[in-house]
Amino acid sequence: MIFIKEKESTNIVWRKALYELYNSGFIPQDERFTRMESLEIEIECPIIEKVDERFPINQKNIDIINQYIISGENEELVCHEWTKIYYHRLFDEPNSQIVYIINRLKNNRTGIGTTWRKEIDQQGEIKPCMLSIIVMKQENKLYFQLHGRACNVYDKLLMNIQEFVSLQKYLAEELNLEIGRFVFTIDFAQIATKDIEKVKEIISQK
């Protein structure tokens, strides 16, 4: 497993993940991917910053995603279909998981939400990659743990981190807490074979 720890920058985490995965990941038998490895990211106090210009999703689309994940606004403009799954699975009524988490943390330390629905996803063509969130209230801070089954590090990781840090920030504000540690565990972090030259270019500039 690859471990990456950073103070606040999501961009630095993305670049470090590319570098470490390229240099330390194993070469899988699946020819669609050139590197694969388990990955855990820890950001001590994450911030939403302007995305690295080398990331293949532009700032406008990232801004739309970061707002959508907490509000459901402008769904027709969201370029990432999986983000729509995350929002609806976490926010939709009845029994909104986000409402449950907010209410639970008013009197308890932890809350859990999940995006996987077996009756849909076992046979679905588009399956959620981000599977669960666990939040914890600790010393007036909101700690956030995200678990993903898979993530394409070149063209998805930075987006996933930013959208779920946006959700962490939203929950913290609703609970009048400060932003705490963000941890992201990915079972299979990947570099796609089609992206390898772009990855080499980015890590050569590290």
Protein backbone atom coordinates (compact mmCIF):
# COMPACT_ATOMS: atom_id res chain seq x y z
CA MET A 1 0.00 0.00 0.00
CA ILE A 2 1.11 3.55 -0.78
CA PHE A 3 0.69 6.19 1.95
CA ILE A 4 0.61 9.92 1.23
CA LYS A 5 0.33 12.58 3.92
CA GLU A 6 -0.04 16.31 3.26
CA LYS A 7 -0.97 19.36 5.33
CA GLU A 8 -3.65 20.98 3.14
CA SER A 9 -3.07 20.95 -0.62
CA THR A 10 -5.21 18.67 -2.78
CA ASN A 11 -3.05 19.46 -5.82
CA ILE A 12 0.15 18.29 -4.11
CA VAL A 13 -1.60 15.07 -3.04
CA TRP A 14 -2.66 14.41 -6.64
CA ARG A 15 0.87 14.91 -7.98
CA LYS A 16 2.42 12.79 -5.23
CA ALA A 17 -0.09 10.02 -5.89
CA LEU A 18 0.80 9.97 -9.59
CA TYR A 19 4.51 9.88 -8.79
CA GLU A 20 4.29 7.16 -6.13
CA LEU A 21 1.86 4.99 -8.08
CA TYR A 22 3.97 5.16 -11.23
CA ASN A 23 7.18 4.31 -9.34
CA SER A 24 5.85 1.85 -6.72
CA GLY A 25 2.65 0.35 -8.14
CA PHE A 26 2.54 -3.12 -9.63
CA ILE A 27 1.86 -3.84 -13.30
CA PRO A 28 -1.53 -5.59 -13.47
CA GLN A 29 -2.51 -8.33 -15.90
CA ASP A 30 -5.39 -6.15 -17.11
CA GLU A 31 -3.88 -4.37 -20.13
CA ARG A 32 -6.20 -1.37 -19.66
CA PHE A 33 -4.00 -0.31 -16.75
CA THR A 34 -0.25 0.18 -16.53
CA ARG A 35 0.00 0.60 -12.73
CA MET A 36 -2.21 -0.39 -9.78
CA GLU A 37 -1.86 -0.35 -6.00
CA SER A 38 -3.79 0.26 -2.79
CA LEU A 39 -3.52 3.91 -1.75
CA GLU A 40 -4.24 5.85 1.42
CA ILE A 41 -4.23 9.64 1.51
CA GLU A 42 -4.29 11.77 4.63
CA ILE A 43 -4.75 15.56 4.47
CA GLU A 44 -4.43 17.23 7.85
CA CYS A 45 -6.55 20.31 7.12
CA PRO A 46 -7.79 20.15 3.50
CA ILE A 47 -8.65 23.24 1.48
CA ILE A 48 -10.50 23.75 -1.77
CA GLU A 49 -7.99 25.35 -4.10
CA LYS A 50 -7.83 26.07 -7.81
CA VAL A 51 -7.10 22.77 -9.52
CA ASP A 52 -3.74 22.10 -11.12
CA GLU A 53 -3.90 23.19 -14.77
CA ARG A 54 -2.57 19.79 -15.84
CA PHE A 55 -5.58 17.99 -14.39
CA PRO A 56 -7.80 16.98 -17.35
CA ILE A 57 -11.07 18.35 -15.90
CA ASN A 58 -11.17 22.14 -16.12
CA GLN A 59 -11.89 24.49 -13.23
CA LYS A 60 -15.39 25.37 -14.42
CA ASN A 61 -16.48 21.74 -14.33
CA ILE A 62 -14.77 21.14 -10.97
CA ASP A 63 -16.63 24.13 -9.51
CA ILE A 64 -19.93 22.75 -10.80
CA ILE A 65 -19.17 19.34 -9.26
CA ASN A 66 -18.08 20.80 -5.92
CA GLN A 67 -21.31 22.77 -5.65
CA TYR A 68 -23.54 19.98 -6.96
CA ILE A 69 -22.32 17.40 -4.42
CA ILE A 70 -23.77 19.51 -1.59
CA SER A 71 -26.77 21.16 -3.27
CA GLY A 72 -27.90 19.07 -6.25
CA GLU A 73 -27.86 22.23 -8.37
CA ASN A 74 -27.29 22.18 -12.15
CA GLU A 75 -27.27 18.41 -12.51
CA GLU A 76 -27.51 18.74 -16.29
CA LEU A 77 -24.10 20.46 -16.26
CA VAL A 78 -22.29 17.83 -14.19
CA CYS A 79 -19.77 16.06 -16.43
CA HIS A 80 -19.16 13.08 -14.14
CA GLU A 81 -22.03 10.58 -13.98
CA TRP A 82 -20.72 8.92 -10.80
CA THR A 83 -20.98 12.23 -8.91
CA LYS A 84 -24.72 12.20 -9.62
CA ILE A 85 -24.92 8.74 -8.03
CA TYR A 86 -23.06 9.96 -4.94
CA TYR A 87 -25.33 12.95 -4.46
CA HIS A 88 -28.58 11.04 -4.87
CA ARG A 89 -27.54 8.06 -2.77
CA LEU A 90 -26.42 10.32 0.10
CA PHE A 91 -28.99 13.13 -0.02
CA ASP A 92 -32.23 11.76 -1.45
CA GLU A 93 -35.30 11.40 0.72
CA PRO A 94 -36.85 9.47 2.27
CA ASN A 95 -34.22 8.69 4.89
CA SER A 96 -31.52 11.05 3.63
CA GLN A 97 -28.18 9.77 4.87
CA ILE A 98 -26.77 13.28 5.11
CA VAL A 99 -29.69 14.47 7.25
CA TYR A 100 -29.18 11.37 9.40
CA ILE A 101 -25.46 12.12 9.81
CA ILE A 102 -26.08 15.75 10.74
CA ASN A 103 -28.75 14.84 13.29
CA ARG A 104 -26.70 12.00 14.72
CA LEU A 105 -23.57 14.09 15.22
CA LYS A 106 -25.45 16.63 17.28
CA ASN A 107 -25.47 14.06 20.10
CA ASN A 108 -22.96 11.40 19.03
CA ARG A 109 -19.37 11.23 17.81
CA THR A 110 -19.73 9.30 14.55
CA GLY A 111 -21.96 8.93 11.52
CA ILE A 112 -21.84 6.68 8.45
CA GLY A 113 -23.19 6.88 4.90
CA THR A 114 -22.93 4.42 2.02
CA THR A 115 -23.49 4.68 -1.75
CA TRP A 116 -23.72 0.98 -2.69
CA ARG A 117 -27.17 -0.49 -3.43
CA LYS A 118 -26.95 -4.18 -4.24
CA GLU A 119 -30.34 -4.34 -5.98
CA ILE A 120 -29.05 -1.83 -8.54
CA ASP A 121 -25.26 -2.05 -8.55
CA GLN A 122 -24.68 -5.79 -8.78
CA GLN A 123 -25.99 -5.67 -12.36
CA GLY A 124 -25.53 -1.98 -13.13
CA GLU A 125 -23.31 -0.65 -15.90
CA ILE A 126 -22.28 2.37 -13.83
CA LYS A 127 -21.32 1.38 -10.28
CA PRO A 128 -20.24 3.80 -7.55
CA CYS A 129 -16.48 3.86 -7.03
CA MET A 130 -16.75 5.83 -3.78
CA LEU A 131 -18.47 3.39 -1.43
CA SER A 132 -18.76 4.97 1.98
CA ILE A 133 -18.10 7.95 4.21
CA ILE A 134 -17.47 7.91 7.94
CA VAL A 135 -17.44 11.19 9.85
CA MET A 136 -16.31 11.78 13.42
CA LYS A 137 -16.62 14.74 15.76
CA GLN A 138 -13.39 15.22 17.70
CA GLU A 139 -12.21 18.29 19.66
CA ASN A 140 -14.58 20.63 17.81
CA LYS A 141 -13.41 19.32 14.43
CA LEU A 142 -15.11 17.17 11.82
CA TYR A 143 -12.93 14.27 10.68
CA PHE A 144 -13.88 12.66 7.38
CA GLN A 145 -12.96 9.24 6.01
CA LEU A 146 -13.77 8.23 2.43
CA HIS A 147 -13.47 4.67 1.12
CA GLY A 148 -13.30 3.92 -2.59
CA ARG A 149 -13.07 0.60 -4.36
CA ALA A 150 -11.20 2.05 -7.38
CA CYS A 151 -9.96 5.35 -8.75
CA ASN A 152 -8.19 6.42 -11.92
CA VAL A 153 -5.53 8.65 -10.38
CA TYR A 154 -4.74 10.73 -13.46
CA ASP A 155 -8.21 11.92 -14.39
CA LYS A 156 -10.39 11.27 -11.32
CA LEU A 157 -8.45 11.48 -8.04
CA LEU A 158 -8.20 15.26 -7.70
CA MET A 159 -11.88 15.66 -8.57
CA ASN A 160 -12.91 13.00 -6.04
CA ILE A 161 -10.85 14.59 -3.28
CA GLN A 162 -12.21 18.06 -3.95
CA GLU A 163 -15.86 17.03 -4.16
CA PHE A 164 -15.74 15.09 -0.91
CA VAL A 165 -13.74 17.80 0.87
CA SER A 166 -16.59 20.07 -0.26
CA LEU A 167 -19.01 17.66 1.42
CA GLN A 168 -16.84 17.60 4.55
CA LYS A 169 -16.87 21.42 4.63
CA TYR A 170 -20.67 21.46 4.22
CA LEU A 171 -21.16 19.03 7.10
CA ALA A 172 -18.74 20.96 9.31
CA GLU A 173 -20.61 24.20 8.68
CA GLU A 174 -23.98 22.57 9.38
CA LEU A 175 -22.62 21.31 12.71
CA ASN A 176 -20.67 24.47 13.57
CA LEU A 177 -17.39 22.54 13.59
CA GLU A 178 -13.96 23.18 12.10
CA ILE A 179 -12.50 21.14 9.26
CA GLY A 180 -10.45 18.23 10.54
CA ARG A 181 -8.43 15.46 8.94
CA PHE A 182 -9.52 13.99 5.58
CA VAL A 183 -8.54 10.36 4.92
CA PHE A 184 -9.15 8.64 1.59
CA THR A 185 -8.53 4.89 1.24
CA ILE A 186 -8.64 3.39 -2.26
CA ASP A 187 -8.53 -0.38 -2.76
CA PHE A 188 -7.32 -0.18 -6.36
CA ALA A 189 -5.73 3.10 -7.41
CA GLN A 190 -4.93 2.93 -11.13
CA ILE A 191 -3.05 4.57 -13.96
CA ALA A 192 -4.71 3.79 -17.29
CA THR A 193 -2.45 2.66 -20.11
CA LYS A 194 -3.88 5.35 -22.38
CA ASP A 195 -2.73 8.05 -19.92
CA ILE A 196 0.83 6.90 -19.33
CA GLU A 197 2.60 9.52 -21.45
CA LYS A 198 0.66 12.35 -19.79
CA VAL A 199 1.52 10.92 -16.37
CA LYS A 200 5.22 10.70 -17.25
CA GLU A 201 5.17 14.33 -18.31
CA ILE A 202 3.58 15.46 -15.04
CA ILE A 203 5.86 13.49 -12.75
CA SER A 204 8.94 14.63 -14.66
CA GLN A 205 8.06 18.16 -13.55
CA LYS A 206 7.65 17.17 -9.87
